[in-house]
Amino acid sequence: MTTRSCPCGLPQPYEACCGRFHRGAAVAPTAEALMRSRYSAFVRLDAGSLLRTWHPRTRPARLDLDPGMRWTGLEILGTTDGSAFHSAGTVTFRASFRGGSLHERSRFERVDGAWVYVDGEFLS
């Protein structure tokens, strides 16, 4: 059996990395871990996981993912706060896809102890 590495870029297999967050077996301990998990959810077209980890005040009613979108890599460029000791944090990242990349600073907050995505600012 071949174990595939996680799309988020960490060296662990998907099931032991972001897969446990997607399954609900664990919650992301930091804003960066949630960011990586959300990237993996985009790669795997897991709209349910994305919606579950979106802040209730900014979450869309539904999410239509493009099955033709091919994400090719995630680079974490920086973080501010977002650890177990914080209630908010930011993650600046570049997500590459076939034909380009997305550069964003995402904001995260804790809701009932769990990290959730609030919104993002596109960067050039």
PDB file of N, CA and C in Angstrom:
ATOM      1  N   MET A   1       0.842  -1.186   0.000  1.00  0.00           N
ATOM      2  CA  MET A   1       0.000   0.000   0.000  1.00  0.00           C
ATOM      3  C   MET A   1       0.883   1.245   0.000  1.00  0.00           C
ATOM      4  N   THR A   2       0.597   2.173  -0.880  1.00  0.00           N
ATOM      5  CA  THR A   2       1.361   3.406  -0.984  1.00  0.00           C
ATOM      6  C   THR A   2       0.741   4.465  -0.078  1.00  0.00           C
ATOM      7  N   THR A   3       1.568   5.073   0.741  1.00  0.00           N
ATOM      8  CA  THR A   3       1.105   6.148   1.605  1.00  0.00           C
ATOM      9  C   THR A   3       1.491   7.466   0.962  1.00  0.00           C
ATOM     10  N   ARG A   4       0.485   8.282   0.661  1.00  0.00           N
ATOM     11  CA  ARG A   4       0.744   9.557   0.004  1.00  0.00           C
ATOM     12  C   ARG A   4       1.039  10.626   1.041  1.00  0.00           C
ATOM     13  N   SER A   5       1.987  11.502   0.707  1.00  0.00           N
ATOM     14  CA  SER A   5       2.286  12.597   1.619  1.00  0.00           C
ATOM     15  C   SER A   5       1.145  13.607   1.580  1.00  0.00           C
ATOM     16  N   CYS A   6       1.060  14.387   2.608  1.00  0.00           N
ATOM     17  CA  CYS A   6      -0.025  15.352   2.739  1.00  0.00           C
ATOM     18  C   CYS A   6       0.140  16.492   1.733  1.00  0.00           C
ATOM     19  N   PRO A   7      -0.954  16.942   1.111  1.00  0.00           N
ATOM     20  CA  PRO A   7      -0.864  18.070   0.174  1.00  0.00           C
ATOM     21  C   PRO A   7      -0.345  19.357   0.806  1.00  0.00           C
ATOM     22  N   CYS A   8      -0.447  19.487   2.146  1.00  0.00           N
ATOM     23  CA  CYS A   8      -0.069  20.739   2.804  1.00  0.00           C
ATOM     24  C   CYS A   8       1.427  21.008   2.782  1.00  0.00           C
ATOM     25  N   GLY A   9       2.218  20.000   2.391  1.00  0.00           N
ATOM     26  CA  GLY A   9       3.660  20.207   2.297  1.00  0.00           C
ATOM     27  C   GLY A   9       4.454  19.642   3.454  1.00  0.00           C
ATOM     28  N   LEU A  10       3.800  19.224   4.520  1.00  0.00           N
ATOM     29  CA  LEU A  10       4.519  18.598   5.624  1.00  0.00           C
ATOM     30  C   LEU A  10       4.820  17.151   5.247  1.00  0.00           C
ATOM     31  N   PRO A  11       5.859  16.556   5.841  1.00  0.00           N
ATOM     32  CA  PRO A  11       6.302  15.231   5.405  1.00  0.00           C
ATOM     33  C   PRO A  11       5.424  14.047   5.843  1.00  0.00           C
ATOM     34  N   GLN A  12       4.425  14.255   6.675  1.00  0.00           N
ATOM     35  CA  GLN A  12       3.594  13.148   7.135  1.00  0.00           C
ATOM     36  C   GLN A  12       2.625  12.686   6.051  1.00  0.00           C
ATOM     37  N   PRO A  13       2.151  11.436   6.173  1.00  0.00           N
ATOM     38  CA  PRO A  13       1.078  10.973   5.279  1.00  0.00           C
ATOM     39  C   PRO A  13      -0.194  11.791   5.544  1.00  0.00           C
ATOM     40  N   TYR A  14      -1.014  11.956   4.517  1.00  0.00           N
ATOM     41  CA  TYR A  14      -2.247  12.731   4.628  1.00  0.00           C
ATOM     42  C   TYR A  14      -3.095  12.291   5.829  1.00  0.00           C
ATOM     43  N   GLU A  15      -3.307  10.998   5.992  1.00  0.00           N
ATOM     44  CA  GLU A  15      -4.193  10.507   7.061  1.00  0.00           C
ATOM     45  C   GLU A  15      -3.705  10.918   8.446  1.00  0.00           C
ATOM     46  N   ALA A  16      -2.397  10.987   8.646  1.00  0.00           N
ATOM     47  CA  ALA A  16      -1.833  11.358   9.945  1.00  0.00           C
ATOM     48  C   ALA A  16      -1.660  12.864  10.093  1.00  0.00           C
ATOM     49  N   CYS A  17      -1.781  13.583   8.994  1.00  0.00           N
ATOM     50  CA  CYS A  17      -1.583  15.035   9.003  1.00  0.00           C
ATOM     51  C   CYS A  17      -2.955  15.718   8.918  1.00  0.00           C
ATOM     52  N   CYS A  18      -3.275  16.305   7.789  1.00  0.00           N
ATOM     53  CA  CYS A  18      -4.541  17.032   7.636  1.00  0.00           C
ATOM     54  C   CYS A  18      -5.760  16.124   7.600  1.00  0.00           C
ATOM     55  N   GLY A  19      -5.587  14.877   7.225  1.00  0.00           N
ATOM     56  CA  GLY A  19      -6.708  13.949   7.165  1.00  0.00           C
ATOM     57  C   GLY A  19      -7.431  13.802   8.488  1.00  0.00           C
ATOM     58  N   ARG A  20      -6.695  13.826   9.591  1.00  0.00           N
ATOM     59  CA  ARG A  20      -7.333  13.694  10.919  1.00  0.00           C
ATOM     60  C   ARG A  20      -8.209  14.897  11.242  1.00  0.00           C
ATOM     61  N   PHE A  21      -7.832  16.073  10.734  1.00  0.00           N
ATOM     62  CA  PHE A  21      -8.670  17.264  10.928  1.00  0.00           C
ATOM     63  C   PHE A  21      -9.910  17.178  10.043  1.00  0.00           C
ATOM     64  N   HIS A  22      -9.725  16.731   8.808  1.00  0.00           N
ATOM     65  CA  HIS A  22     -10.858  16.608   7.879  1.00  0.00           C
ATOM     66  C   HIS A  22     -11.872  15.590   8.382  1.00  0.00           C
ATOM     67  N   ARG A  23     -11.406  14.506   8.972  1.00  0.00           N
ATOM     68  CA  ARG A  23     -12.295  13.460   9.507  1.00  0.00           C
ATOM     69  C   ARG A  23     -12.966  13.882  10.811  1.00  0.00           C
ATOM     70  N   GLY A  24     -12.441  14.914  11.468  1.00  0.00           N
ATOM     71  CA  GLY A  24     -12.976  15.328  12.758  1.00  0.00           C
ATOM     72  C   GLY A  24     -12.379  14.559  13.921  1.00  0.00           C
ATOM     73  N   ALA A  25     -11.296  13.806  13.675  1.00  0.00           N
ATOM     74  CA  ALA A  25     -10.641  13.043  14.737  1.00  0.00           C
ATOM     75  C   ALA A  25      -9.792  13.951  15.631  1.00  0.00           C
ATOM     76  N   ALA A  26      -9.478  15.142  15.154  1.00  0.00           N
ATOM     77  CA  ALA A  26      -8.682  16.112  15.922  1.00  0.00           C
ATOM     78  C   ALA A  26      -9.018  17.502  15.404  1.00  0.00           C
ATOM     79  N   VAL A  27      -8.672  18.509  16.202  1.00  0.00           N
ATOM     80  CA  VAL A  27      -8.819  19.893  15.752  1.00  0.00           C
ATOM     81  C   VAL A  27      -7.422  20.483  15.589  1.00  0.00           C
ATOM     82  N   ALA A  28      -7.289  21.392  14.658  1.00  0.00           N
ATOM     83  CA  ALA A  28      -5.997  22.025  14.395  1.00  0.00           C
ATOM     84  C   ALA A  28      -5.551  22.800  15.636  1.00  0.00           C
ATOM     85  N   PRO A  29      -4.333  22.556  16.134  1.00  0.00           N
ATOM     86  CA  PRO A  29      -3.872  23.215  17.361  1.00  0.00           C
ATOM     87  C   PRO A  29      -3.416  24.652  17.171  1.00  0.00           C
ATOM     88  N   THR A  30      -3.146  25.057  15.929  1.00  0.00           N
ATOM     89  CA  THR A  30      -2.673  26.412  15.649  1.00  0.00           C
ATOM     90  C   THR A  30      -3.360  26.940  14.389  1.00  0.00           C
ATOM     91  N   ALA A  31      -3.286  28.239  14.208  1.00  0.00           N
ATOM     92  CA  ALA A  31      -3.833  28.846  12.993  1.00  0.00           C
ATOM     93  C   ALA A  31      -3.094  28.320  11.759  1.00  0.00           C
ATOM     94  N   GLU A  32      -1.784  28.140  11.856  1.00  0.00           N
ATOM     95  CA  GLU A  32      -1.034  27.604  10.714  1.00  0.00           C
ATOM     96  C   GLU A  32      -1.483  26.187  10.378  1.00  0.00           C
ATOM     97  N   ALA A  33      -1.701  25.353  11.379  1.00  0.00           N
ATOM     98  CA  ALA A  33      -2.164  23.985  11.117  1.00  0.00           C
ATOM     99  C   ALA A  33      -3.530  24.011  10.433  1.00  0.00           C
ATOM    100  N   LEU A  34      -4.399  24.942  10.850  1.00  0.00           N
ATOM    101  CA  LEU A  34      -5.700  25.050  10.191  1.00  0.00           C
ATOM    102  C   LEU A  34      -5.529  25.543   8.757  1.00  0.00           C
ATOM    103  N   MET A  35      -4.628  26.501   8.534  1.00  0.00           N
ATOM    104  CA  MET A  35      -4.382  26.985   7.177  1.00  0.00           C
ATOM    105  C   MET A  35      -3.929  25.841   6.287  1.00  0.00           C
ATOM    106  N   ARG A  36      -2.992  25.038   6.771  1.00  0.00           N
ATOM    107  CA  ARG A  36      -2.506  23.894   5.998  1.00  0.00           C
ATOM    108  C   ARG A  36      -3.651  22.908   5.721  1.00  0.00           C
ATOM    109  N   SER A  37      -4.472  22.685   6.725  1.00  0.00           N
ATOM    110  CA  SER A  37      -5.612  21.774   6.581  1.00  0.00           C
ATOM    111  C   SER A  37      -6.599  22.292   5.543  1.00  0.00           C
ATOM    112  N   ARG A  38      -6.845  23.578   5.561  1.00  0.00           N
ATOM    113  CA  ARG A  38      -7.775  24.168   4.591  1.00  0.00           C
ATOM    114  C   ARG A  38      -7.208  24.089   3.176  1.00  0.00           C
ATOM    115  N   TYR A  39      -5.905  24.308   3.026  1.00  0.00           N
ATOM    116  CA  TYR A  39      -5.294  24.144   1.710  1.00  0.00           C
ATOM    117  C   TYR A  39      -5.497  22.702   1.219  1.00  0.00           C
ATOM    118  N   SER A  40      -5.225  21.741   2.088  1.00  0.00           N
ATOM    119  CA  SER A  40      -5.413  20.330   1.724  1.00  0.00           C
ATOM    120  C   SER A  40      -6.865  20.046   1.362  1.00  0.00           C
ATOM    121  N   ALA A  41      -7.793  20.694   2.049  1.00  0.00           N
ATOM    122  CA  ALA A  41      -9.210  20.508   1.735  1.00  0.00           C
ATOM    123  C   ALA A  41      -9.528  21.061   0.336  1.00  0.00           C
ATOM    124  N   PHE A  42      -8.916  22.183  -0.033  1.00  0.00           N
ATOM    125  CA  PHE A  42      -9.101  22.698  -1.397  1.00  0.00           C
ATOM    126  C   PHE A  42      -8.545  21.701  -2.410  1.00  0.00           C
ATOM    127  N   VAL A  43      -7.354  21.164  -2.144  1.00  0.00           N
ATOM    128  CA  VAL A  43      -6.743  20.191  -3.051  1.00  0.00           C
ATOM    129  C   VAL A  43      -7.662  18.984  -3.229  1.00  0.00           C
ATOM    130  N   ARG A  44      -8.258  18.527  -2.135  1.00  0.00           N
ATOM    131  CA  ARG A  44      -9.086  17.312  -2.150  1.00  0.00           C
ATOM    132  C   ARG A  44     -10.566  17.595  -2.438  1.00  0.00           C
ATOM    133  N   LEU A  45     -10.905  18.858  -2.738  1.00  0.00           N
ATOM    134  CA  LEU A  45     -12.288  19.266  -3.044  1.00  0.00           C
ATOM    135  C   LEU A  45     -13.241  18.919  -1.893  1.00  0.00           C
ATOM    136  N   ASP A  46     -12.767  19.134  -0.662  1.00  0.00           N
ATOM    137  CA  ASP A  46     -13.541  18.825   0.543  1.00  0.00           C
ATOM    138  C   ASP A  46     -14.247  20.090   1.041  1.00  0.00           C
ATOM    139  N   ALA A  47     -15.355  20.440   0.378  1.00  0.00           N
ATOM    140  CA  ALA A  47     -16.094  21.658   0.736  1.00  0.00           C
ATOM    141  C   ALA A  47     -16.637  21.579   2.162  1.00  0.00           C
ATOM    142  N   GLY A  48     -17.039  20.401   2.604  1.00  0.00           N
ATOM    143  CA  GLY A  48     -17.573  20.254   3.963  1.00  0.00           C
ATOM    144  C   GLY A  48     -16.572  20.661   5.021  1.00  0.00           C
ATOM    145  N   SER A  49     -15.345  20.231   4.873  1.00  0.00           N
ATOM    146  CA  SER A  49     -14.298  20.595   5.828  1.00  0.00           C
ATOM    147  C   SER A  49     -14.035  22.096   5.791  1.00  0.00           C
ATOM    148  N   LEU A  50     -14.023  22.675   4.602  1.00  0.00           N
ATOM    149  CA  LEU A  50     -13.804  24.117   4.484  1.00  0.00           C
ATOM    150  C   LEU A  50     -14.918  24.898   5.170  1.00  0.00           C
ATOM    151  N   LEU A  51     -16.148  24.514   4.947  1.00  0.00           N
ATOM    152  CA  LEU A  51     -17.276  25.218   5.570  1.00  0.00           C
ATOM    153  C   LEU A  51     -17.276  25.047   7.085  1.00  0.00           C
ATOM    154  N   ARG A  52     -16.925  23.860   7.573  1.00  0.00           N
ATOM    155  CA  ARG A  52     -16.884  23.614   9.030  1.00  0.00           C
ATOM    156  C   ARG A  52     -15.831  24.460   9.723  1.00  0.00           C
ATOM    157  N   THR A  53     -14.763  24.834   9.004  1.00  0.00           N
ATOM    158  CA  THR A  53     -13.670  25.588   9.624  1.00  0.00           C
ATOM    159  C   THR A  53     -13.705  27.065   9.243  1.00  0.00           C
ATOM    160  N   TRP A  54     -14.861  27.537   8.790  1.00  0.00           N
ATOM    161  CA  TRP A  54     -15.056  28.941   8.415  1.00  0.00           C
ATOM    162  C   TRP A  54     -15.822  29.618   9.535  1.00  0.00           C
ATOM    163  N   HIS A  55     -15.422  30.808   9.914  1.00  0.00           N
ATOM    164  CA  HIS A  55     -16.098  31.525  11.001  1.00  0.00           C
ATOM    165  C   HIS A  55     -17.573  31.710  10.652  1.00  0.00           C
ATOM    166  N   PRO A  56     -18.493  31.476  11.602  1.00  0.00           N
ATOM    167  CA  PRO A  56     -19.928  31.601  11.317  1.00  0.00           C
ATOM    168  C   PRO A  56     -20.332  32.969  10.757  1.00  0.00           C
ATOM    169  N   ARG A  57     -19.653  34.031  11.156  1.00  0.00           N
ATOM    170  CA  ARG A  57     -20.072  35.358  10.691  1.00  0.00           C
ATOM    171  C   ARG A  57     -19.611  35.666   9.264  1.00  0.00           C
ATOM    172  N   THR A  58     -18.651  34.907   8.727  1.00  0.00           N
ATOM    173  CA  THR A  58     -18.169  35.171   7.366  1.00  0.00           C
ATOM    174  C   THR A  58     -18.361  33.979   6.431  1.00  0.00           C
ATOM    175  N   ARG A  59     -18.859  32.877   6.943  1.00  0.00           N
ATOM    176  CA  ARG A  59     -19.024  31.655   6.154  1.00  0.00           C
ATOM    177  C   ARG A  59     -20.098  31.815   5.088  1.00  0.00           C
ATOM    178  N   PRO A  60     -19.787  31.424   3.841  1.00  0.00           N
ATOM    179  CA  PRO A  60     -20.821  31.456   2.797  1.00  0.00           C
ATOM    180  C   PRO A  60     -21.840  30.333   3.033  1.00  0.00           C
ATOM    181  N   ALA A  61     -23.004  30.470   2.451  1.00  0.00           N
ATOM    182  CA  ALA A  61     -24.040  29.446   2.590  1.00  0.00           C
ATOM    183  C   ALA A  61     -23.618  28.142   1.928  1.00  0.00           C
ATOM    184  N   ARG A  62     -22.868  28.245   0.842  1.00  0.00           N
ATOM    185  CA  ARG A  62     -22.355  27.060   0.168  1.00  0.00           C
ATOM    186  C   ARG A  62     -21.054  27.404  -0.527  1.00  0.00           C
ATOM    187  N   LEU A  63     -20.356  26.388  -0.927  1.00  0.00           N
ATOM    188  CA  LEU A  63     -19.047  26.574  -1.544  1.00  0.00           C
ATOM    189  C   LEU A  63     -18.959  25.639  -2.742  1.00  0.00           C
ATOM    190  N   ASP A  64     -18.786  26.223  -3.910  1.00  0.00           N
ATOM    191  CA  ASP A  64     -18.641  25.428  -5.132  1.00  0.00           C
ATOM    192  C   ASP A  64     -17.169  25.429  -5.527  1.00  0.00           C
ATOM    193  N   LEU A  65     -16.540  24.274  -5.419  1.00  0.00           N
ATOM    194  CA  LEU A  65     -15.128  24.152  -5.761  1.00  0.00           C
ATOM    195  C   LEU A  65     -14.987  23.717  -7.216  1.00  0.00           C
ATOM    196  N   ASP A  66     -13.980  24.246  -7.868  1.00  0.00           N
ATOM    197  CA  ASP A  66     -13.732  23.946  -9.278  1.00  0.00           C
ATOM    198  C   ASP A  66     -12.928  22.649  -9.387  1.00  0.00           C
ATOM    199  N   PRO A  67     -13.528  21.574  -9.894  1.00  0.00           N
ATOM    200  CA  PRO A  67     -12.793  20.308 -10.000  1.00  0.00           C
ATOM    201  C   PRO A  67     -11.635  20.373 -10.989  1.00  0.00           C
ATOM    202  N   GLY A  68     -11.605  21.395 -11.842  1.00  0.00           N
ATOM    203  CA  GLY A  68     -10.507  21.554 -12.788  1.00  0.00           C
ATOM    204  C   GLY A  68      -9.301  22.288 -12.217  1.00  0.00           C
ATOM    205  N   MET A  69      -9.460  22.872 -11.025  1.00  0.00           N
ATOM    206  CA  MET A  69      -8.372  23.619 -10.383  1.00  0.00           C
ATOM    207  C   MET A  69      -7.327  22.628  -9.875  1.00  0.00           C
ATOM    208  N   ARG A  70      -6.084  22.826 -10.230  1.00  0.00           N
ATOM    209  CA  ARG A  70      -5.003  21.938  -9.804  1.00  0.00           C
ATOM    210  C   ARG A  70      -4.034  22.708  -8.928  1.00  0.00           C
ATOM    211  N   TRP A  71      -4.171  22.543  -7.614  1.00  0.00           N
ATOM    212  CA  TRP A  71      -3.268  23.167  -6.664  1.00  0.00           C
ATOM    213  C   TRP A  71      -1.959  22.397  -6.680  1.00  0.00           C
ATOM    214  N   THR A  72      -0.834  23.112  -6.671  1.00  0.00           N
ATOM    215  CA  THR A  72       0.459  22.452  -6.827  1.00  0.00           C
ATOM    216  C   THR A  72       1.428  22.672  -5.674  1.00  0.00           C
ATOM    217  N   GLY A  73       1.087  23.499  -4.687  1.00  0.00           N
ATOM    218  CA  GLY A  73       1.997  23.674  -3.564  1.00  0.00           C
ATOM    219  C   GLY A  73       1.589  24.803  -2.638  1.00  0.00           C
ATOM    220  N   LEU A  74       2.012  24.679  -1.402  1.00  0.00           N
ATOM    221  CA  LEU A  74       1.733  25.679  -0.369  1.00  0.00           C
ATOM    222  C   LEU A  74       3.037  26.104   0.275  1.00  0.00           C
ATOM    223  N   GLU A  75       3.224  27.402   0.384  1.00  0.00           N
ATOM    224  CA  GLU A  75       4.388  27.961   1.063  1.00  0.00           C
ATOM    225  C   GLU A  75       3.891  28.907   2.148  1.00  0.00           C
ATOM    226  N   ILE A  76       4.211  28.606   3.399  1.00  0.00           N
ATOM    227  CA  ILE A  76       3.873  29.491   4.512  1.00  0.00           C
ATOM    228  C   ILE A  76       4.968  30.543   4.599  1.00  0.00           C
ATOM    229  N   LEU A  77       4.587  31.821   4.460  1.00  0.00           N
ATOM    230  CA  LEU A  77       5.559  32.911   4.439  1.00  0.00           C
ATOM    231  C   LEU A  77       5.730  33.582   5.795  1.00  0.00           C
ATOM    232  N   GLY A  78       4.720  33.447   6.654  1.00  0.00           N
ATOM    233  CA  GLY A  78       4.825  34.052   7.977  1.00  0.00           C
ATOM    234  C   GLY A  78       3.562  33.846   8.779  1.00  0.00           C
ATOM    235  N   THR A  79       3.718  33.922  10.088  1.00  0.00           N
ATOM    236  CA  THR A  79       2.568  33.825  10.992  1.00  0.00           C
ATOM    237  C   THR A  79       2.692  34.895  12.069  1.00  0.00           C
ATOM    238  N   THR A  80       1.550  35.319  12.572  1.00  0.00           N
ATOM    239  CA  THR A  80       1.500  36.236  13.701  1.00  0.00           C
ATOM    240  C   THR A  80       0.517  35.639  14.698  1.00  0.00           C
ATOM    241  N   ASP A  81       0.976  35.415  15.899  1.00  0.00           N
ATOM    242  CA  ASP A  81       0.156  34.793  16.946  1.00  0.00           C
ATOM    243  C   ASP A  81      -0.403  33.463  16.421  1.00  0.00           C
ATOM    244  N   GLY A  82      -1.612  33.093  16.811  1.00  0.00           N
ATOM    245  CA  GLY A  82      -2.212  31.878  16.295  1.00  0.00           C
ATOM    246  C   GLY A  82      -1.782  30.585  16.968  1.00  0.00           C
ATOM    247  N   SER A  83      -1.157  30.682  18.144  1.00  0.00           N
ATOM    248  CA  SER A  83      -0.742  29.468  18.855  1.00  0.00           C
ATOM    249  C   SER A  83      -1.808  29.085  19.889  1.00  0.00           C
ATOM    250  N   ALA A  84      -1.517  28.079  20.661  1.00  0.00           N
ATOM    251  CA  ALA A  84      -2.434  27.644  21.718  1.00  0.00           C
ATOM    252  C   ALA A  84      -2.663  28.740  22.757  1.00  0.00           C
ATOM    253  N   PHE A  85      -1.801  29.743  22.794  1.00  0.00           N
ATOM    254  CA  PHE A  85      -1.895  30.807  23.785  1.00  0.00           C
ATOM    255  C   PHE A  85      -2.625  32.042  23.272  1.00  0.00           C
ATOM    256  N   HIS A  86      -3.131  32.005  22.046  1.00  0.00           N
ATOM    257  CA  HIS A  86      -3.769  33.163  21.431  1.00  0.00           C
ATOM    258  C   HIS A  86      -5.226  32.894  21.088  1.00  0.00           C
ATOM    259  N   SER A  87      -5.974  33.977  20.902  1.00  0.00           N
ATOM    260  CA  SER A  87      -7.368  33.849  20.466  1.00  0.00           C
ATOM    261  C   SER A  87      -7.541  34.282  19.011  1.00  0.00           C
ATOM    262  N   ALA A  88      -6.475  34.810  18.414  1.00  0.00           N
ATOM    263  CA  ALA A  88      -6.511  35.236  17.012  1.00  0.00           C
ATOM    264  C   ALA A  88      -5.107  35.104  16.437  1.00  0.00           C
ATOM    265  N   GLY A  89      -5.038  35.096  15.126  1.00  0.00           N
ATOM    266  CA  GLY A  89      -3.739  35.007  14.474  1.00  0.00           C
ATOM    267  C   GLY A  89      -3.874  35.206  12.979  1.00  0.00           C
ATOM    268  N   THR A  90      -2.740  35.391  12.328  1.00  0.00           N
ATOM    269  CA  THR A  90      -2.718  35.508  10.872  1.00  0.00           C
ATOM    270  C   THR A  90      -1.694  34.521  10.306  1.00  0.00           C
ATOM    271  N   VAL A  91      -1.947  34.106   9.077  1.00  0.00           N
ATOM    272  CA  VAL A  91      -0.996  33.271   8.337  1.00  0.00           C
ATOM    273  C   VAL A  91      -0.875  33.880   6.939  1.00  0.00           C
ATOM    274  N   THR A  92       0.345  34.214   6.565  1.00  0.00           N
ATOM    275  CA  THR A  92       0.617  34.722   5.222  1.00  0.00           C
ATOM    276  C   THR A  92       1.188  33.563   4.421  1.00  0.00           C
ATOM    277  N   PHE A  93       0.624  33.344   3.234  1.00  0.00           N
ATOM    278  CA  PHE A  93       1.022  32.176   2.458  1.00  0.00           C
ATOM    279  C   PHE A  93       0.956  32.455   0.967  1.00  0.00           C
ATOM    280  N   ARG A  94       1.570  31.569   0.223  1.00  0.00           N
ATOM    281  CA  ARG A  94       1.440  31.545  -1.235  1.00  0.00           C
ATOM    282  C   ARG A  94       1.004  30.137  -1.600  1.00  0.00           C
ATOM    283  N   ALA A  95      -0.143  30.036  -2.247  1.00  0.00           N
ATOM    284  CA  ALA A  95      -0.656  28.762  -2.730  1.00  0.00           C
ATOM    285  C   ALA A  95      -0.529  28.762  -4.246  1.00  0.00           C
ATOM    286  N   SER A  96       0.211  27.809  -4.753  1.00  0.00           N
ATOM    287  CA  SER A  96       0.433  27.743  -6.196  1.00  0.00           C
ATOM    288  C   SER A  96      -0.578  26.809  -6.843  1.00  0.00           C
ATOM    289  N   PHE A  97      -0.939  27.157  -8.049  1.00  0.00           N
ATOM    290  CA  PHE A  97      -1.822  26.317  -8.846  1.00  0.00           C
ATOM    291  C   PHE A  97      -1.309  26.346 -10.278  1.00  0.00           C
ATOM    292  N   ARG A  98      -1.762  25.394 -11.061  1.00  0.00           N
ATOM    293  CA  ARG A  98      -1.330  25.352 -12.452  1.00  0.00           C
ATOM    294  C   ARG A  98      -1.704  26.673 -13.109  1.00  0.00           C
ATOM    295  N   GLY A  99      -0.699  27.433 -13.513  1.00  0.00           N
ATOM    296  CA  GLY A  99      -0.939  28.705 -14.184  1.00  0.00           C
ATOM    297  C   GLY A  99      -0.793  29.933 -13.315  1.00  0.00           C
ATOM    298  N   GLY A 100      -0.483  29.784 -12.032  1.00  0.00           N
ATOM    299  CA  GLY A 100      -0.325  30.974 -11.200  1.00  0.00           C
ATOM    300  C   GLY A 100      -0.208  30.670  -9.724  1.00  0.00           C
ATOM    301  N   SER A 101      -0.459  31.694  -8.916  1.00  0.00           N
ATOM    302  CA  SER A 101      -0.414  31.526  -7.471  1.00  0.00           C
ATOM    303  C   SER A 101      -1.318  32.550  -6.799  1.00  0.00           C
ATOM    304  N   LEU A 102      -1.659  32.236  -5.573  1.00  0.00           N
ATOM    305  CA  LEU A 102      -2.492  33.092  -4.736  1.00  0.00           C
ATOM    306  C   LEU A 102      -1.657  33.466  -3.524  1.00  0.00           C
ATOM    307  N   HIS A 103      -1.492  34.767  -3.283  1.00  0.00           N
ATOM    308  CA  HIS A 103      -0.722  35.267  -2.146  1.00  0.00           C
ATOM    309  C   HIS A 103      -1.714  35.966  -1.222  1.00  0.00           C
ATOM    310  N   GLU A 104      -1.817  35.497   0.009  1.00  0.00           N
ATOM    311  CA  GLU A 104      -2.857  35.995   0.907  1.00  0.00           C
ATOM    312  C   GLU A 104      -2.371  36.032   2.347  1.00  0.00           C
ATOM    313  N   ARG A 105      -2.916  36.961   3.105  1.00  0.00           N
ATOM    314  CA  ARG A 105      -2.767  36.983   4.565  1.00  0.00           C
ATOM    315  C   ARG A 105      -4.149  36.662   5.118  1.00  0.00           C
ATOM    316  N   SER A 106      -4.270  35.494   5.715  1.00  0.00           N
ATOM    317  CA  SER A 106      -5.553  35.035   6.254  1.00  0.00           C
ATOM    318  C   SER A 106      -5.639  35.326   7.742  1.00  0.00           C
ATOM    319  N   ARG A 107      -6.840  35.688   8.171  1.00  0.00           N
ATOM    320  CA  ARG A 107      -7.095  35.931   9.597  1.00  0.00           C
ATOM    321  C   ARG A 107      -7.866  34.751  10.177  1.00  0.00           C
ATOM    322  N   PHE A 108      -7.469  34.352  11.375  1.00  0.00           N
ATOM    323  CA  PHE A 108      -8.091  33.233  12.079  1.00  0.00           C
ATOM    324  C   PHE A 108      -8.453  33.661  13.490  1.00  0.00           C
ATOM    325  N   GLU A 109      -9.521  33.085  14.010  1.00  0.00           N
ATOM    326  CA  GLU A 109      -9.931  33.307  15.394  1.00  0.00           C
ATOM    327  C   GLU A 109     -10.350  31.975  15.982  1.00  0.00           C
ATOM    328  N   ARG A 110     -10.402  31.953  17.302  1.00  0.00           N
ATOM    329  CA  ARG A 110     -10.918  30.766  17.982  1.00  0.00           C
ATOM    330  C   ARG A 110     -12.405  30.964  18.250  1.00  0.00           C
ATOM    331  N   VAL A 111     -13.180  29.925  17.987  1.00  0.00           N
ATOM    332  CA  VAL A 111     -14.604  29.886  18.323  1.00  0.00           C
ATOM    333  C   VAL A 111     -14.813  28.604  19.105  1.00  0.00           C
ATOM    334  N   ASP A 112     -15.272  28.743  20.339  1.00  0.00           N
ATOM    335  CA  ASP A 112     -15.454  27.584  21.221  1.00  0.00           C
ATOM    336  C   ASP A 112     -14.185  26.733  21.287  1.00  0.00           C
ATOM    337  N   GLY A 113     -13.035  27.391  21.318  1.00  0.00           N
ATOM    338  CA  GLY A 113     -11.757  26.708  21.468  1.00  0.00           C
ATOM    339  C   GLY A 113     -11.129  26.207  20.180  1.00  0.00           C
ATOM    340  N   ALA A 114     -11.857  26.245  19.072  1.00  0.00           N
ATOM    341  CA  ALA A 114     -11.324  25.729  17.804  1.00  0.00           C
ATOM    342  C   ALA A 114     -10.967  26.875  16.860  1.00  0.00           C
ATOM    343  N   TRP A 115      -9.843  26.725  16.162  1.00  0.00           N
ATOM    344  CA  TRP A 115      -9.444  27.721  15.174  1.00  0.00           C
ATOM    345  C   TRP A 115     -10.378  27.684  13.973  1.00  0.00           C
ATOM    346  N   VAL A 116     -10.764  28.877  13.494  1.00  0.00           N
ATOM    347  CA  VAL A 116     -11.584  28.998  12.288  1.00  0.00           C
ATOM    348  C   VAL A 116     -11.035  30.136  11.428  1.00  0.00           C
ATOM    349  N   TYR A 117     -11.256  29.996  10.120  1.00  0.00           N
ATOM    350  CA  TYR A 117     -10.860  31.005   9.152  1.00  0.00           C
ATOM    351  C   TYR A 117     -11.880  32.137   9.175  1.00  0.00           C
ATOM    352  N   VAL A 118     -11.407  33.383   9.257  1.00  0.00           N
ATOM    353  CA  VAL A 118     -12.305  34.540   9.248  1.00  0.00           C
ATOM    354  C   VAL A 118     -12.380  35.138   7.848  1.00  0.00           C
ATOM    355  N   ASP A 119     -11.254  35.606   7.338  1.00  0.00           N
ATOM    356  CA  ASP A 119     -11.204  36.181   6.005  1.00  0.00           C
ATOM    357  C   ASP A 119      -9.745  36.346   5.590  1.00  0.00           C
ATOM    358  N   GLY A 120      -9.536  36.830   4.385  1.00  0.00           N
ATOM    359  CA  GLY A 120      -8.181  36.999   3.900  1.00  0.00           C
ATOM    360  C   GLY A 120      -8.014  38.259   3.091  1.00  0.00           C
ATOM    361  N   GLU A 121      -6.789  38.729   3.045  1.00  0.00           N
ATOM    362  CA  GLU A 121      -6.424  39.921   2.275  1.00  0.00           C
ATOM    363  C   GLU A 121      -5.451  39.457   1.186  1.00  0.00           C
ATOM    364  N   PHE A 122      -5.819  39.706  -0.070  1.00  0.00           N
ATOM    365  CA  PHE A 122      -4.947  39.341  -1.176  1.00  0.00           C
ATOM    366  C   PHE A 122      -3.753  40.272  -1.205  1.00  0.00           C
ATOM    367  N   LEU A 123      -2.590  39.716  -1.417  1.00  0.00           N
ATOM    368  CA  LEU A 123      -1.345  40.470  -1.472  1.00  0.00           C
ATOM    369  C   LEU A 123      -0.755  40.334  -2.858  1.00  0.00           C
ATOM    370  N   SER A 124       0.086  41.285  -3.246  1.00  0.00           N
ATOM    371  CA  SER A 124       0.710  41.189  -4.569  1.00  0.00           C
ATOM    372  C   SER A 124       2.086  40.600  -4.475  1.00  0.00           C
TER     373      SER A 124
END
